[in-house]
């Protein structure tokens, strides 16, 4: 049964995505979305999950824009979606994302993709597939440099100076757009490396640098709950549920034992 508004269409997409939170992949990237999406299985599947959510919503009556349907990459290619939004003038970095928008990550925007669920208090909340090998809800500061751009799926409420790919931001849109404040007080990162997390861990996963660039995921996604950093530039932040934090007591014990051995060795050298 067709729905009557963009908000309802976005709601169907998000309802489908929310219902999958907690799904974990099998061996070798095996997932249950590839068949319905029309993609090959056993490969990086973040864009496969997006395609699945969009196709299922359309089957339920959602009105998916033609440029989005035509972007369907028939494979795990984030760039196919980003290029389609760019060509339609629906790619932007400033401003506030809407539910149902897509979010593109990494220096070129081709490292990872998610679906925008909501924006609150300067943070954008997303639902993503193949993040730490599963479907999960993540959150980012609106000015997180790991975010390259957003794609407006429904409606055209994008300020003319916020668009990428030929808009007023053309001169500043290299890998992440120009600076500026968006609604909710979030500043877009300065032009240049919008995906500055490229070589490091982003909140603990494996979308690191070349492993996930150009559509090839490394397994544990940057959005797990552990490390966060722009390569080697950001400090490491450990969360209580991170495996590294859980292993800290054992690590400290080993360090203490090593220190004791060093002290004993020094005493032996002094008495020799």
Protein backbone atom coordinates (compact mmCIF):
# COMPACT_ATOMS: atom_id res chain seq x y z
CA UNK A 1 0.00 0.00 0.00
CA UNK A 2 1.59 3.33 -1.04
CA UNK A 3 2.43 5.84 1.63
CA UNK A 4 1.57 9.51 1.36
CA UNK A 5 4.62 11.39 2.51
CA UNK A 6 8.40 11.43 2.50
CA UNK A 7 8.34 11.13 6.28
CA UNK A 8 6.36 7.90 6.04
CA UNK A 9 8.75 6.53 3.44
CA UNK A 10 11.73 7.37 5.64
CA UNK A 11 9.90 5.80 8.56
CA UNK A 12 9.54 2.51 6.69
CA UNK A 13 13.25 2.46 5.83
CA UNK A 14 14.20 3.10 9.43
CA UNK A 15 11.68 0.64 10.83
CA UNK A 16 13.20 -2.08 8.68
CA UNK A 17 16.73 -1.10 9.69
CA UNK A 18 15.89 -0.93 13.41
CA UNK A 19 14.41 -4.40 13.27
CA UNK A 20 17.80 -5.77 12.22
CA UNK A 21 19.88 -4.23 15.01
CA UNK A 22 21.88 -7.01 16.63
CA UNK A 23 22.18 -9.21 13.55
CA UNK A 24 25.74 -10.55 13.35
CA UNK A 25 27.37 -11.84 10.18
CA UNK A 26 28.50 -15.42 9.73
CA UNK A 27 31.83 -16.69 8.49
CA UNK A 28 33.45 -14.82 5.61
CA UNK A 29 31.02 -11.87 5.69
CA UNK A 30 27.98 -14.12 5.20
CA UNK A 31 24.78 -12.11 5.70
CA UNK A 32 21.06 -12.50 5.07
CA UNK A 33 20.62 -9.27 3.07
CA UNK A 34 22.59 -10.04 -0.09
CA UNK A 35 19.98 -12.24 -1.75
CA UNK A 36 17.10 -9.77 -1.39
CA UNK A 37 19.35 -6.86 -2.35
CA UNK A 38 20.58 -8.71 -5.42
CA UNK A 39 24.21 -8.56 -4.32
CA UNK A 40 26.88 -11.20 -4.06
CA UNK A 41 27.29 -12.59 -0.57
CA UNK A 42 30.53 -13.08 1.36
CA UNK A 43 31.82 -9.58 0.78
CA UNK A 44 31.68 -6.22 2.54
CA UNK A 45 27.99 -5.58 3.06
CA UNK A 46 27.38 -2.07 4.43
CA UNK A 47 25.87 -0.87 1.14
CA UNK A 48 24.10 -4.22 0.76
CA UNK A 49 22.27 -3.51 4.01
CA UNK A 50 21.28 -0.04 2.77
CA UNK A 51 19.99 -1.53 -0.49
CA UNK A 52 18.04 -4.17 1.43
CA UNK A 53 16.39 -1.55 3.68
CA UNK A 54 15.45 0.64 0.71
CA UNK A 55 14.09 -2.23 -1.41
CA UNK A 56 12.07 -3.65 1.45
CA UNK A 57 10.59 -0.24 2.22
CA UNK A 58 9.65 0.23 -1.43
CA UNK A 59 7.90 -3.15 -1.42
CA UNK A 60 5.95 -1.90 1.59
CA UNK A 61 4.83 1.20 -0.31
CA UNK A 62 7.63 3.70 0.31
CA UNK A 63 8.24 6.15 -2.52
CA UNK A 64 11.97 5.84 -3.12
CA UNK A 65 13.28 8.55 -5.49
CA UNK A 66 14.34 7.32 -8.92
CA UNK A 67 17.89 8.62 -8.55
CA UNK A 68 18.27 6.47 -5.42
CA UNK A 69 16.81 3.36 -7.07
CA UNK A 70 19.00 3.90 -10.12
CA UNK A 71 22.05 4.12 -7.84
CA UNK A 72 21.49 0.55 -6.69
CA UNK A 73 25.06 -0.66 -7.07
CA UNK A 74 24.47 -4.42 -7.48
CA UNK A 75 27.46 -4.96 -5.25
CA UNK A 76 29.15 -3.63 -2.16
CA UNK A 77 30.06 -0.31 -3.74
CA UNK A 78 29.47 2.70 -1.51
CA UNK A 79 30.69 4.95 -4.30
CA UNK A 80 27.68 4.06 -6.47
CA UNK A 81 25.34 5.64 -3.95
CA UNK A 82 27.56 8.64 -3.33
CA UNK A 83 27.93 9.34 -7.06
CA UNK A 84 24.16 9.14 -7.58
CA UNK A 85 23.41 11.59 -4.77
CA UNK A 86 26.15 13.88 -6.06
CA UNK A 87 24.79 13.81 -9.62
CA UNK A 88 21.28 14.61 -8.34
CA UNK A 89 22.58 17.58 -6.33
CA UNK A 90 21.57 15.85 -3.10
CA UNK A 91 25.04 15.49 -1.57
CA UNK A 92 25.91 17.93 1.24
CA UNK A 93 28.08 18.41 4.31
CA UNK A 94 26.74 21.47 6.13
CA UNK A 95 23.33 21.62 7.70
CA UNK A 96 21.33 19.03 9.57
CA UNK A 97 20.67 15.54 8.18
CA UNK A 98 17.12 14.24 8.01
CA UNK A 99 15.85 10.76 8.90
CA UNK A 100 16.34 8.51 5.90
CA UNK A 101 19.35 10.40 4.57
CA UNK A 102 22.49 8.41 3.87
CA UNK A 103 25.85 9.18 5.43
CA UNK A 104 29.16 8.56 3.69
CA UNK A 105 32.37 7.98 5.62
CA UNK A 106 36.09 8.19 4.89
CA UNK A 107 38.39 10.58 3.09
CA UNK A 108 36.64 10.20 -0.26
CA UNK A 109 33.27 9.14 1.11
CA UNK A 110 33.71 5.62 -0.19
CA UNK A 111 34.84 3.83 2.95
CA UNK A 112 31.50 3.10 4.62
CA UNK A 113 27.80 4.00 4.48
CA UNK A 114 24.93 4.22 6.95
CA UNK A 115 21.34 5.42 7.28
CA UNK A 116 20.57 8.55 9.30
CA UNK A 117 18.06 7.83 12.06
CA UNK A 118 17.92 11.18 13.84
CA UNK A 119 19.89 14.23 14.98
CA UNK A 120 19.92 15.32 18.62
CA UNK A 121 22.12 17.69 20.61
CA UNK A 122 24.75 18.06 17.90
CA UNK A 123 25.00 14.33 17.23
CA UNK A 124 23.81 12.30 14.29
CA UNK A 125 22.52 8.81 15.06
CA UNK A 126 22.81 6.16 12.37
CA UNK A 127 21.96 2.55 11.71
CA UNK A 128 24.72 0.72 9.87
CA UNK A 129 25.39 -2.71 8.49
CA UNK A 130 28.78 -4.40 8.66
CA UNK A 131 29.83 -2.30 11.63
CA UNK A 132 31.80 -4.55 13.97
CA UNK A 133 30.49 -7.38 11.78
CA UNK A 134 26.88 -6.60 12.65
CA UNK A 135 23.95 -4.22 12.30
CA UNK A 136 24.16 -1.57 14.99
CA UNK A 137 23.14 1.94 15.95
CA UNK A 138 26.04 4.42 16.07
CA UNK A 139 26.39 8.09 16.91
CA UNK A 140 28.81 10.81 15.81
CA UNK A 141 29.35 14.46 16.39
CA UNK A 142 27.98 16.35 13.40
CA UNK A 143 31.46 17.72 12.77
CA UNK A 144 33.22 14.37 13.08
CA UNK A 145 35.87 14.42 10.34
CA UNK A 146 35.25 10.75 9.59
CA UNK A 147 31.95 11.88 8.02
CA UNK A 148 32.60 12.91 4.44
CA UNK A 149 29.08 13.90 3.44
CA UNK A 150 25.37 13.21 3.69
CA UNK A 151 22.92 12.31 0.93
CA UNK A 152 19.43 13.84 1.11
CA UNK A 153 17.04 11.04 0.18
CA UNK A 154 13.68 12.78 0.53
CA UNK A 155 12.96 16.42 -0.19
CA UNK A 156 15.24 19.19 -1.35
CA UNK A 157 15.73 21.25 1.80
CA UNK A 158 19.45 21.64 1.32
CA UNK A 159 20.91 25.17 1.52
CA UNK A 160 22.56 26.06 -1.78
CA UNK A 161 25.86 26.66 -0.02
CA UNK A 162 25.78 23.23 1.62
CA UNK A 163 25.81 21.05 -1.48
CA UNK A 164 28.90 19.22 -2.66
CA UNK A 165 29.83 18.32 -6.19
CA UNK A 166 29.31 21.55 -8.09
CA UNK A 167 27.39 23.59 -5.55
CA UNK A 168 28.61 26.73 -3.82
CA UNK A 169 30.98 24.54 -1.81
CA UNK A 170 32.72 23.26 -4.92
CA UNK A 171 36.05 24.89 -4.12
CA UNK A 172 36.05 23.54 -0.58
CA UNK A 173 34.52 20.13 -1.10
CA UNK A 174 37.68 18.07 -1.32
CA UNK A 175 37.13 14.97 0.82
CA UNK A 176 34.76 16.51 3.28
CA UNK A 177 33.46 19.93 2.36
CA UNK A 178 34.17 23.36 3.66
CA UNK A 179 33.80 24.72 7.14
CA UNK A 180 30.73 26.36 8.53
CA UNK A 181 28.06 25.92 11.16
CA UNK A 182 25.11 23.62 10.71
CA UNK A 183 21.81 23.61 12.52
CA UNK A 184 22.29 22.45 16.08
CA UNK A 185 25.62 24.21 16.45
CA UNK A 186 27.69 21.60 14.64
CA UNK A 187 30.62 22.90 12.63
CA UNK A 188 31.53 21.09 9.47
CA UNK A 189 35.23 20.25 9.28
CA UNK A 190 37.50 22.50 7.32
CA UNK A 191 38.02 21.61 3.68
CA UNK A 192 40.55 18.91 3.04
CA UNK A 193 40.59 15.54 4.74
CA UNK A 194 36.97 15.03 5.71
CA UNK A 195 37.88 11.42 6.39
CA UNK A 196 40.91 12.02 8.53
CA UNK A 197 40.26 8.80 10.42
CA UNK A 198 41.48 6.94 7.34
CA UNK A 199 44.61 5.37 8.75
CA UNK A 200 43.53 4.90 12.34
CA UNK A 201 40.74 3.30 14.35
CA UNK A 202 37.43 5.12 14.70
CA UNK A 203 35.79 4.00 17.93
CA UNK A 204 37.44 0.65 17.83
CA UNK A 205 36.80 -1.10 14.59
CA UNK A 206 38.54 -1.96 11.39
CA UNK A 207 37.48 0.49 8.71
CA UNK A 208 41.12 1.43 8.75
CA UNK A 209 42.69 3.15 5.78
CA UNK A 210 43.14 1.05 2.67
CA UNK A 211 41.33 -2.01 4.06
CA UNK A 212 37.92 -0.48 3.72
CA UNK A 213 38.67 2.27 1.23
CA UNK A 214 36.87 1.97 -2.09
CA UNK A 215 34.21 -0.38 -0.75
CA UNK A 216 36.36 -3.02 0.95
CA UNK A 217 35.52 -3.33 4.67
CA UNK A 218 37.92 -4.45 7.29
CA UNK A 219 36.05 -6.53 9.79
CA UNK A 220 35.35 -4.60 12.94
CA UNK A 221 34.30 -1.17 11.75
CA UNK A 222 35.36 2.07 13.25
CA UNK A 223 32.13 2.43 15.13
CA UNK A 224 32.63 -0.18 17.79
CA UNK A 225 32.85 1.18 21.31
CA UNK A 226 36.60 1.45 21.79
CA UNK A 227 39.31 3.54 20.22
CA UNK A 228 38.65 6.85 18.56
CA UNK A 229 41.20 8.86 16.69
CA UNK A 230 42.27 10.60 13.51
CA UNK A 231 45.03 8.20 12.62
CA UNK A 232 47.83 8.77 15.08
CA UNK A 233 46.75 12.35 15.81
CA UNK A 234 43.85 11.82 18.19
CA UNK A 235 44.33 10.48 21.71
CA UNK A 236 43.00 7.00 22.38
CA UNK A 237 39.79 6.88 24.39
CA UNK A 238 38.97 3.55 26.03
CA UNK A 239 35.41 2.69 26.94
CA UNK A 240 34.56 0.25 29.75
CA UNK A 241 33.13 -2.38 27.40
CA UNK A 242 36.09 -2.30 25.05
CA UNK A 243 38.15 -5.53 24.95
CA UNK A 244 41.32 -3.50 25.43
CA UNK A 245 39.94 -2.08 28.67
CA UNK A 246 38.84 -5.51 29.84
CA UNK A 247 42.36 -6.84 29.26
CA UNK A 248 43.97 -3.92 31.12
CA UNK A 249 44.32 -5.68 34.53
CA UNK A 250 46.23 -8.58 32.98
CA UNK A 251 48.40 -6.17 31.05
CA UNK A 252 49.23 -4.19 34.18
CA UNK A 253 50.14 -7.39 36.01
CA UNK A 254 52.56 -8.36 33.24
CA UNK A 255 54.10 -4.88 33.31
CA UNK A 256 54.57 -5.10 37.08
CA UNK A 257 56.28 -8.48 36.75
CA UNK A 258 58.61 -7.08 34.11
CA UNK A 259 59.48 -4.13 36.35
CA UNK A 260 60.27 -6.51 39.21
CA UNK A 261 62.56 -8.51 36.95
CA UNK A 262 64.33 -5.33 35.86
CA UNK A 263 64.83 -4.31 39.49
CA UNK A 264 66.20 -7.75 40.39
CA UNK A 265 68.57 -7.63 37.44
CA UNK A 266 69.81 -4.20 38.51
CA UNK A 267 70.47 -5.47 42.03
CA UNK A 268 72.43 -8.44 40.72
CA UNK A 269 74.55 -6.15 38.55
CA UNK A 270 75.30 -3.93 41.56
CA UNK A 271 76.45 -6.88 43.71
CA UNK A 272 78.50 -8.50 40.92
